[in-house]
Amino acid sequence: MAPSSNKSGSLVFGAALALRLALFEFPTLANMLGNQVEISTPVTSFKRLSEGVFLFRNGVPPYDGGVFHQAPLLLGLFYPIISSPLLVKLLYTLSDLAIGYMLLQITALKDKALKESKIREYGNKLEAPGVTGLTVATLYLFNPYTIVSCIGRSTILFSNMAVVAGIWMGMKGDRGLAMFSIAVAGYLSLYPVMLAIPVMIMLTDSIQDAEAKKRTILRCSAFFLASLSSIFLLSFVLTNSWDFVRSVYGTILAVSDLTPNLGLFWYFFIEMFDQFRSFFLIVFQIHVFIFAVPISIKLRKYPLFICFLLSTVMGTFKGYPSVDMRYSFLIVNLFLYSSFLAPIFWYLWVYVGSGNANFFYAIGLVYGIGEIILMIDTTFALLRRDFEATSPPDAADGSGWDREVLQK
């Protein structure tokens, strides 16, 4: 980095640090955000985590009673610091800054790879450079969704950090840390196990020999499973029970806690007859995982984009989504519309009694539609870019195409 870039980076990260610490100085704000259903879900709520730590400290099995549904290692992480608000604030703030730094590094690695790739040639022109790593970090660190998620102390932050770390290590070519990070992400919130596929594509992208590539994939898969098994064993040692498997992953897969949230599951299964619940539950959960393999095959040249697309699929279709790190005019409006009206409809339904669940669920659908349109737009943009890069409209050999005809 140039000195000016270092100075700009210090200013950005310093401002992000100061902003978060300043907002944490308003306990009422932090508690209010922590109670918002758009931020805290049954599997990411800091309030429920605090209750789990309290039970654990007093010798009561934390997974008894159906309140605590988070991974045991979060108990171990917060056990020594839960009574110190300052340490909790610092943990969340520094974790958020770490994600911003890793996004900066990912962008730098991506730009370096693009500069070495001939696909930057677009006809007779060079492809315009993308945004800088510092811009990406700034967009993340000052994104209102990520800020409220941090101040609301949602534990989805730690899953996001593990995902971003896995992608960063995958782009660096560090097989061990990449697979371990994705294993940690999968352990914390289950769905990120899908990202093992694109991360392995990153790790094997530079290997030309087919046999060597197969051996690398097998080694990465073995290390991923070994890491996951070790983490599960450590969790058993910590809690002296396997109850966490049912309480954490059973809740995620069976959607047994139907607390309202921005997801598509809760209202559907409240209205569902019991005899049909198992069938539709399987259909809904398969819908989350089924995209991983076809997307990875179709877009195998773009493993970083696969990670983005699968992360958006998870955020849209999982049982307990929340606002975190999520743009045409329509998409921005949909997100703003849902962000402003969701708390209003929740208040009218739960506190005033003049609304009903349909209002709040409809806003969740609007939020989901925004994410789906975002996925469609970005995928179309990538495929269009790929097409134009390989078949430029002004090809010298006359094999080009008419841009106006294609657009029509």
Protein backbone atom coordinates (compact mmCIF):
# COMPACT_ATOMS: atom_id res chain seq x y z
CA MET A 1 0.00 0.00 0.00
CA ALA A 2 1.12 3.54 -0.74
CA PRO A 3 1.53 5.95 2.21
CA SER A 4 -1.63 7.82 1.19
CA SER A 5 -3.55 4.53 1.07
CA ASN A 6 -2.24 3.59 4.52
CA LYS A 7 -3.39 6.96 5.84
CA SER A 8 -6.83 6.59 4.24
CA GLY A 9 -7.13 3.06 5.60
CA SER A 10 -6.23 4.20 9.10
CA LEU A 11 -8.85 6.94 8.89
CA VAL A 12 -11.55 4.56 7.67
CA PHE A 13 -10.88 1.87 10.26
CA GLY A 14 -10.38 4.45 13.01
CA ALA A 15 -13.71 6.10 12.17
CA ALA A 16 -15.45 2.72 12.07
CA LEU A 17 -13.97 1.83 15.47
CA ALA A 18 -14.98 5.18 16.98
CA LEU A 19 -18.51 4.97 15.53
CA ARG A 20 -19.16 1.52 17.00
CA LEU A 21 -17.72 2.36 20.41
CA ALA A 22 -19.74 5.59 20.47
CA LEU A 23 -22.98 3.79 19.63
CA PHE A 24 -22.25 1.15 22.27
CA GLU A 25 -22.21 3.98 24.83
CA PHE A 26 -26.00 4.11 24.47
CA PRO A 27 -27.13 0.95 26.29
CA THR A 28 -30.76 1.63 25.45
CA LEU A 29 -29.93 1.61 21.73
CA ALA A 30 -27.95 -1.64 21.99
CA ASN A 31 -30.73 -3.32 23.98
CA MET A 32 -33.40 -2.06 21.58
CA LEU A 33 -31.51 -3.36 18.55
CA GLY A 34 -30.78 -6.63 20.35
CA ASN A 35 -34.52 -7.16 20.81
CA GLN A 36 -35.45 -6.40 17.19
CA VAL A 37 -36.58 -9.54 15.36
CA GLU A 38 -34.97 -8.24 12.17
CA ILE A 39 -31.55 -8.49 13.87
CA SER A 40 -31.80 -11.16 16.57
CA THR A 41 -33.23 -14.57 15.79
CA PRO A 42 -33.54 -17.64 18.05
CA VAL A 43 -30.15 -18.85 16.78
CA THR A 44 -28.27 -15.51 16.86
CA SER A 45 -29.74 -13.61 19.83
CA PHE A 46 -27.27 -12.19 22.35
CA LYS A 47 -29.99 -12.22 25.00
CA ARG A 48 -30.44 -15.96 24.58
CA LEU A 49 -26.67 -16.41 24.57
CA SER A 50 -26.50 -14.56 27.90
CA GLU A 51 -29.15 -16.88 29.32
CA GLY A 52 -27.20 -19.90 28.08
CA VAL A 53 -24.00 -18.64 29.73
CA PHE A 54 -25.90 -17.99 32.97
CA LEU A 55 -27.24 -21.54 33.02
CA PHE A 56 -23.82 -22.95 32.16
CA ARG A 57 -22.17 -20.99 34.99
CA ASN A 58 -24.68 -22.30 37.49
CA GLY A 59 -24.27 -25.93 36.51
CA VAL A 60 -27.58 -26.20 34.65
CA PRO A 61 -27.45 -27.85 31.19
CA PRO A 62 -27.79 -24.82 28.84
CA TYR A 63 -29.71 -26.77 26.22
CA ASP A 64 -32.49 -27.80 28.57
CA GLY A 65 -35.67 -25.78 28.28
CA GLY A 66 -35.55 -24.94 24.57
CA VAL A 67 -34.26 -21.37 24.93
CA PHE A 68 -30.59 -21.59 23.92
CA HIS A 69 -29.85 -22.75 20.34
CA GLN A 70 -26.28 -21.60 19.71
CA ALA A 71 -23.01 -23.49 19.37
CA PRO A 72 -21.23 -24.59 22.59
CA LEU A 73 -17.96 -22.86 21.68
CA LEU A 74 -19.79 -19.53 21.90
CA LEU A 75 -20.43 -20.45 25.53
CA GLY A 76 -16.69 -20.96 25.99
CA LEU A 77 -15.93 -17.68 24.22
CA PHE A 78 -18.34 -15.55 26.26
CA TYR A 79 -18.06 -17.38 29.59
CA PRO A 80 -15.11 -15.29 30.86
CA ILE A 81 -16.24 -11.93 29.42
CA ILE A 82 -20.05 -11.89 29.62
CA SER A 83 -19.94 -9.94 32.91
CA SER A 84 -17.73 -7.24 31.37
CA PRO A 85 -19.70 -5.01 28.96
CA LEU A 86 -16.46 -3.38 27.81
CA LEU A 87 -14.91 -6.68 26.71
CA VAL A 88 -18.11 -7.68 24.91
CA LYS A 89 -18.17 -4.35 23.06
CA LEU A 90 -14.51 -4.73 22.08
CA LEU A 91 -15.03 -8.30 20.89
CA TYR A 92 -17.89 -7.34 18.57
CA THR A 93 -16.19 -4.17 17.36
CA LEU A 94 -12.84 -5.79 16.62
CA SER A 95 -14.53 -8.76 14.94
CA ASP A 96 -16.42 -6.38 12.65
CA LEU A 97 -13.20 -4.50 11.84
CA ALA A 98 -11.48 -7.83 11.14
CA ILE A 99 -14.15 -8.65 8.56
CA GLY A 100 -13.58 -5.27 6.92
CA TYR A 101 -9.82 -5.88 6.78
CA MET A 102 -10.28 -9.35 5.27
CA LEU A 103 -12.64 -7.95 2.63
CA LEU A 104 -9.96 -5.39 1.77
CA GLN A 105 -7.41 -8.20 1.34
CA ILE A 106 -9.81 -10.30 -0.73
CA THR A 107 -10.37 -7.38 -3.11
CA ALA A 108 -6.61 -6.82 -3.41
CA LEU A 109 -6.05 -10.50 -4.25
CA LYS A 110 -8.89 -10.41 -6.78
CA ASP A 111 -7.45 -7.30 -8.49
CA LYS A 112 -4.02 -8.90 -8.63
CA ALA A 113 -5.45 -12.01 -10.28
CA LEU A 114 -7.39 -9.91 -12.80
CA LYS A 115 -4.30 -7.93 -13.77
CA GLU A 116 -2.55 -11.19 -14.58
CA SER A 117 -5.50 -12.46 -16.63
CA LYS A 118 -5.95 -11.85 -20.34
CA ILE A 119 -9.70 -11.68 -19.85
CA ARG A 120 -9.17 -8.02 -18.95
CA GLU A 121 -9.02 -7.41 -22.67
CA TYR A 122 -12.41 -6.29 -23.91
CA GLY A 123 -12.28 -6.02 -27.65
CA ASN A 124 -9.62 -3.41 -28.32
CA LYS A 125 -10.02 -1.86 -24.88
CA LEU A 126 -8.86 -2.70 -21.39
CA GLU A 127 -11.57 -3.56 -18.93
CA ALA A 128 -12.19 -0.76 -16.46
CA PRO A 129 -10.62 -1.47 -13.05
CA GLY A 130 -12.97 -2.44 -10.23
CA VAL A 131 -13.40 -0.76 -6.88
CA THR A 132 -10.43 -0.72 -4.52
CA GLY A 133 -10.14 -2.86 -1.43
CA LEU A 134 -10.44 0.19 0.78
CA THR A 135 -13.72 1.12 -0.92
CA VAL A 136 -15.09 -2.37 -0.28
CA ALA A 137 -13.99 -2.22 3.36
CA THR A 138 -15.59 1.22 3.73
CA LEU A 139 -18.87 0.03 2.21
CA TYR A 140 -18.92 -2.84 4.67
CA LEU A 141 -17.85 -0.94 7.77
CA PHE A 142 -20.35 1.89 7.22
CA ASN A 143 -23.21 -0.24 5.91
CA PRO A 144 -26.19 0.48 8.21
CA TYR A 145 -27.13 -3.21 8.25
CA THR A 146 -23.71 -4.33 9.48
CA ILE A 147 -23.59 -1.53 12.05
CA VAL A 148 -26.97 -2.40 13.61
CA SER A 149 -26.04 -6.08 13.54
CA CYS A 150 -22.84 -5.31 15.46
CA ILE A 151 -24.48 -2.94 17.96
CA GLY A 152 -27.36 -5.40 18.42
CA ARG A 153 -24.68 -8.03 19.24
CA SER A 154 -26.02 -10.64 16.88
CA THR A 155 -23.81 -13.73 16.92
CA ILE A 156 -24.20 -14.07 13.14
CA LEU A 157 -21.17 -11.77 13.13
CA PHE A 158 -18.88 -14.64 14.13
CA SER A 159 -20.25 -16.92 11.42
CA ASN A 160 -19.73 -14.14 8.87
CA MET A 161 -16.17 -13.66 10.08
CA ALA A 162 -15.41 -17.36 9.66
CA VAL A 163 -16.91 -17.33 6.14
CA VAL A 164 -14.87 -14.30 5.06
CA ALA A 165 -11.72 -15.78 6.62
CA GLY A 166 -12.28 -19.02 4.69
CA ILE A 167 -12.67 -17.13 1.40
CA TRP A 168 -9.56 -15.03 2.11
CA MET A 169 -7.45 -18.08 2.94
CA GLY A 170 -8.83 -19.87 -0.12
CA MET A 171 -7.73 -17.02 -2.38
CA LYS A 172 -4.31 -17.03 -0.70
CA GLY A 173 -4.00 -20.78 -1.30
CA ASP A 174 -3.77 -21.75 2.39
CA ARG A 175 -5.64 -25.06 2.33
CA GLY A 176 -5.54 -25.78 6.04
CA LEU A 177 -6.82 -22.43 7.29
CA ALA A 178 -9.35 -22.14 4.47
CA MET A 179 -11.03 -25.46 5.20
CA PHE A 180 -10.81 -24.94 8.96
CA SER A 181 -12.50 -21.53 8.67
CA ILE A 182 -15.35 -22.93 6.58
CA ALA A 183 -15.69 -25.79 9.10
CA VAL A 184 -16.02 -23.22 11.90
CA ALA A 185 -18.63 -21.28 9.89
CA GLY A 186 -20.59 -24.48 9.25
CA TYR A 187 -20.32 -25.42 12.92
CA LEU A 188 -21.72 -22.04 13.98
CA SER A 189 -24.66 -21.81 11.56
CA LEU A 190 -24.72 -25.02 9.44
CA TYR A 191 -25.53 -23.57 6.01
CA PRO A 192 -22.00 -22.27 5.23
CA VAL A 193 -20.80 -25.87 4.76
CA MET A 194 -21.92 -25.30 1.14
CA LEU A 195 -19.07 -22.84 0.72
CA ALA A 196 -16.57 -25.69 0.99
CA ILE A 197 -17.21 -26.35 -2.72
CA PRO A 198 -16.22 -22.91 -4.12
CA VAL A 199 -13.33 -22.62 -1.65
CA MET A 200 -11.96 -25.95 -2.91
CA ILE A 201 -12.34 -24.63 -6.46
CA MET A 202 -10.17 -21.67 -5.43
CA LEU A 203 -7.57 -23.97 -3.90
CA THR A 204 -7.35 -26.19 -6.99
CA ASP A 205 -7.74 -23.53 -9.68
CA SER A 206 -4.03 -23.30 -10.43
CA ILE A 207 -3.50 -27.09 -10.56
CA GLN A 208 -3.45 -28.34 -14.14
CA ASP A 209 -2.88 -32.07 -13.60
CA ALA A 210 -6.21 -33.87 -13.16
CA GLU A 211 -4.87 -36.47 -10.75
CA ALA A 212 -3.14 -33.86 -8.61
CA LYS A 213 -6.39 -31.87 -8.52
CA LYS A 214 -8.33 -34.93 -7.35
CA ARG A 215 -5.78 -35.62 -4.63
CA THR A 216 -5.98 -32.01 -3.45
CA ILE A 217 -9.79 -32.12 -3.34
CA LEU A 218 -9.68 -35.35 -1.31
CA ARG A 219 -7.14 -33.87 1.11
CA CYS A 220 -9.17 -30.69 1.52
CA SER A 221 -12.35 -32.72 2.09
CA ALA A 222 -10.59 -34.91 4.64
CA PHE A 223 -9.19 -31.89 6.48
CA PHE A 224 -12.61 -30.22 6.44
CA LEU A 225 -14.27 -33.29 7.97
CA ALA A 226 -11.45 -33.71 10.48
CA SER A 227 -11.76 -30.06 11.53
CA LEU A 228 -15.51 -30.35 11.91
CA SER A 229 -15.18 -33.58 13.91
CA SER A 230 -12.57 -32.01 16.20
CA ILE A 231 -14.78 -29.00 16.86
CA PHE A 232 -17.74 -31.25 17.67
CA LEU A 233 -15.57 -33.32 20.01
CA LEU A 234 -14.36 -30.16 21.74
CA SER A 235 -17.98 -29.06 22.12
CA PHE A 236 -18.83 -32.38 23.75
CA VAL A 237 -15.91 -32.00 26.16
CA LEU A 238 -17.08 -28.49 27.04
CA THR A 239 -20.73 -29.39 27.73
CA ASN A 240 -20.30 -33.09 28.60
CA SER A 241 -23.31 -33.85 26.43
CA TRP A 242 -24.42 -34.25 22.82
CA ASP A 243 -27.65 -32.35 23.49
CA PHE A 244 -26.30 -29.39 21.54
CA VAL A 245 -26.62 -31.31 18.26
CA ARG A 246 -30.38 -31.54 18.60
CA SER A 247 -30.81 -28.10 20.10
CA VAL A 248 -28.60 -26.20 17.61
CA TYR A 249 -28.78 -28.06 14.30
CA GLY A 250 -32.13 -29.70 14.98
CA THR A 251 -33.65 -26.26 15.52
CA ILE A 252 -32.06 -24.90 12.33
CA LEU A 253 -33.25 -27.83 10.20
CA ALA A 254 -36.64 -28.48 11.84
CA VAL A 255 -37.42 -24.77 12.38
CA SER A 256 -38.95 -25.74 15.72
CA ASP A 257 -38.82 -22.19 17.15
CA LEU A 258 -41.36 -20.20 15.15
CA THR A 259 -40.48 -16.79 16.55
CA PRO A 260 -41.32 -14.25 13.79
CA ASN A 261 -38.36 -13.01 11.73
CA LEU A 262 -37.59 -11.78 8.20
CA GLY A 263 -37.53 -15.34 6.86
CA LEU A 264 -40.04 -17.21 4.74
CA PHE A 265 -40.49 -20.19 7.08
CA TRP A 266 -42.16 -19.10 10.32
CA TYR A 267 -45.56 -17.91 9.04
CA PHE A 268 -45.83 -20.75 6.54
CA PHE A 269 -45.29 -23.40 9.22
CA ILE A 270 -47.54 -21.70 11.77
CA GLU A 271 -50.39 -22.12 9.26
CA MET A 272 -49.28 -25.60 8.13
CA PHE A 273 -51.27 -28.70 9.17
CA ASP A 274 -49.07 -31.07 11.18
CA GLN A 275 -49.50 -33.97 8.78
CA PHE A 276 -47.91 -31.93 5.96
CA ARG A 277 -45.19 -30.25 8.01
CA SER A 278 -42.44 -32.85 7.47
CA PHE A 279 -42.89 -32.89 3.70
CA PHE A 280 -42.77 -29.12 3.27
CA LEU A 281 -39.94 -28.81 5.76
CA ILE A 282 -37.84 -31.16 3.64
CA VAL A 283 -38.78 -29.23 0.49
CA PHE A 284 -37.87 -25.88 2.05
CA GLN A 285 -34.52 -27.10 3.40
CA ILE A 286 -33.57 -28.86 0.16
CA HIS A 287 -34.30 -25.58 -1.58
CA VAL A 288 -31.48 -23.96 0.42
CA PHE A 289 -28.86 -26.60 -0.38
CA ILE A 290 -29.85 -27.65 -3.90
CA PHE A 291 -28.25 -24.63 -5.60
CA ALA A 292 -24.71 -25.34 -4.38
CA VAL A 293 -23.66 -27.97 -6.94
CA PRO A 294 -25.28 -26.56 -10.15
CA ILE A 295 -24.07 -23.02 -9.41
CA SER A 296 -20.56 -24.32 -8.70
CA ILE A 297 -20.52 -26.26 -11.98
CA LYS A 298 -21.92 -23.47 -14.15
CA LEU A 299 -19.78 -20.69 -12.66
CA ARG A 300 -16.68 -22.74 -11.80
CA LYS A 301 -14.45 -20.09 -13.40
CA TYR A 302 -15.64 -17.59 -10.78
CA PRO A 303 -15.36 -19.20 -7.32
CA LEU A 304 -15.51 -15.84 -5.54
CA PHE A 305 -18.81 -15.03 -7.23
CA ILE A 306 -20.09 -18.51 -6.30
CA CYS A 307 -19.37 -17.66 -2.66
CA PHE A 308 -21.33 -14.42 -3.00
CA LEU A 309 -24.26 -16.14 -4.73
CA LEU A 310 -24.49 -19.02 -2.24
CA SER A 311 -24.24 -16.58 0.66
CA THR A 312 -27.18 -14.63 -0.78
CA VAL A 313 -29.14 -17.87 -1.25
CA MET A 314 -28.50 -18.70 2.41
CA GLY A 315 -29.55 -15.24 3.51
CA THR A 316 -32.78 -15.49 1.52
CA PHE A 317 -33.97 -19.04 2.09
CA LYS A 318 -32.65 -20.19 5.48
CA GLY A 319 -35.05 -20.54 8.38
CA TYR A 320 -33.66 -17.77 10.58
CA PRO A 321 -32.27 -14.92 8.44
CA SER A 322 -31.32 -11.53 9.84
CA VAL A 323 -29.95 -8.30 8.44
CA ASP A 324 -26.16 -8.36 8.17
CA MET A 325 -23.90 -7.83 5.17
CA ARG A 326 -26.08 -7.38 2.16
CA TYR A 327 -27.79 -2.47 -6.05
CA SER A 328 -30.30 -1.06 -9.14
CA PHE A 329 -32.79 1.53 -7.92
CA LEU A 330 -35.54 -1.07 -7.41
CA ILE A 331 -33.41 -3.26 -5.11
CA VAL A 332 -32.36 -0.34 -2.93
CA ASN A 333 -35.98 0.74 -2.61
CA LEU A 334 -37.09 -2.78 -1.67
CA PHE A 335 -34.48 -2.98 1.08
CA LEU A 336 -35.31 0.51 2.36
CA TYR A 337 -39.03 -0.23 2.20
CA SER A 338 -38.68 -3.44 4.22
CA SER A 339 -36.16 -1.93 6.66
CA PHE A 340 -38.45 0.98 7.58
CA LEU A 341 -41.79 -0.84 7.59
CA ALA A 342 -40.75 -4.10 9.31
CA PRO A 343 -40.34 -2.55 12.79
CA ILE A 344 -43.49 -0.47 12.28
CA PHE A 345 -45.62 -3.49 11.36
CA TRP A 346 -44.07 -5.49 14.20
CA TYR A 347 -45.04 -2.73 16.66
CA LEU A 348 -48.58 -2.49 15.26
CA TRP A 349 -49.01 -6.26 15.47
CA VAL A 350 -47.38 -7.10 18.83
CA TYR A 351 -47.77 -3.93 20.90
CA VAL A 352 -50.73 -1.97 19.56
CA GLY A 353 -52.83 -4.87 18.31
CA SER A 354 -54.12 -2.97 15.29
CA GLY A 355 -52.17 -5.09 12.80
CA ASN A 356 -51.64 -8.80 12.32
CA ALA A 357 -48.97 -11.31 11.32
CA ASN A 358 -49.82 -10.93 7.63
CA PHE A 359 -48.43 -7.39 7.59
CA PHE A 360 -45.08 -8.37 9.07
CA TYR A 361 -44.74 -11.51 6.93
CA ALA A 362 -45.51 -9.48 3.79
CA ILE A 363 -42.55 -7.21 4.58
CA GLY A 364 -40.37 -10.32 4.98
CA LEU A 365 -41.49 -11.37 1.50
CA VAL A 366 -40.54 -7.95 0.13
CA TYR A 367 -37.08 -8.30 1.67
CA GLY A 368 -36.73 -11.78 0.16
CA ILE A 369 -37.82 -10.50 -3.27
CA GLY A 370 -35.13 -7.81 -3.06
CA GLU A 371 -32.47 -10.43 -2.39
CA ILE A 372 -33.73 -12.65 -5.22
CA ILE A 373 -33.65 -9.73 -7.69
CA LEU A 374 -30.14 -8.92 -6.46
CA MET A 375 -29.04 -12.51 -7.21
CA ILE A 376 -30.63 -12.44 -10.66
CA ASP A 377 -29.11 -9.06 -11.58
CA THR A 378 -25.60 -9.94 -10.44
CA THR A 379 -25.67 -13.34 -12.14
CA PHE A 380 -26.87 -11.77 -15.39
CA ALA A 381 -24.14 -9.12 -15.14
CA LEU A 382 -21.44 -11.77 -14.67
CA LEU A 383 -22.65 -13.94 -17.58
CA ARG A 384 -23.03 -10.86 -19.81
CA ARG A 385 -19.49 -9.75 -18.93
CA ASP A 386 -18.15 -13.22 -19.65
CA PHE A 387 -19.94 -13.30 -23.00
CA GLU A 388 -18.72 -9.89 -24.07
CA ALA A 389 -15.15 -10.62 -22.95
CA THR A 390 -14.96 -13.82 -25.02
CA SER A 391 -17.02 -12.50 -27.96
CA PRO A 392 -16.54 -8.71 -28.14
CA PRO A 393 -19.02 -6.82 -30.33
CA ASP A 394 -16.24 -5.16 -32.31
CA ALA A 395 -14.15 -8.27 -32.98
CA ALA A 396 -11.63 -7.69 -35.78
CA ASP A 397 -12.41 -11.01 -37.50
CA GLY A 398 -16.04 -10.06 -38.04
CA SER A 399 -17.36 -12.60 -35.53
CA GLY A 400 -18.79 -9.91 -33.26
CA TRP A 401 -22.43 -9.29 -32.57
CA ASP A 402 -24.73 -6.29 -32.74
CA ARG A 403 -25.16 -4.88 -29.22
CA GLU A 404 -28.47 -3.18 -30.07
CA VAL A 405 -29.96 -6.38 -31.53
CA LEU A 406 -28.92 -8.42 -28.47
CA GLN A 407 -30.39 -5.90 -26.08
CA LYS A 408 -33.68 -5.92 -27.96
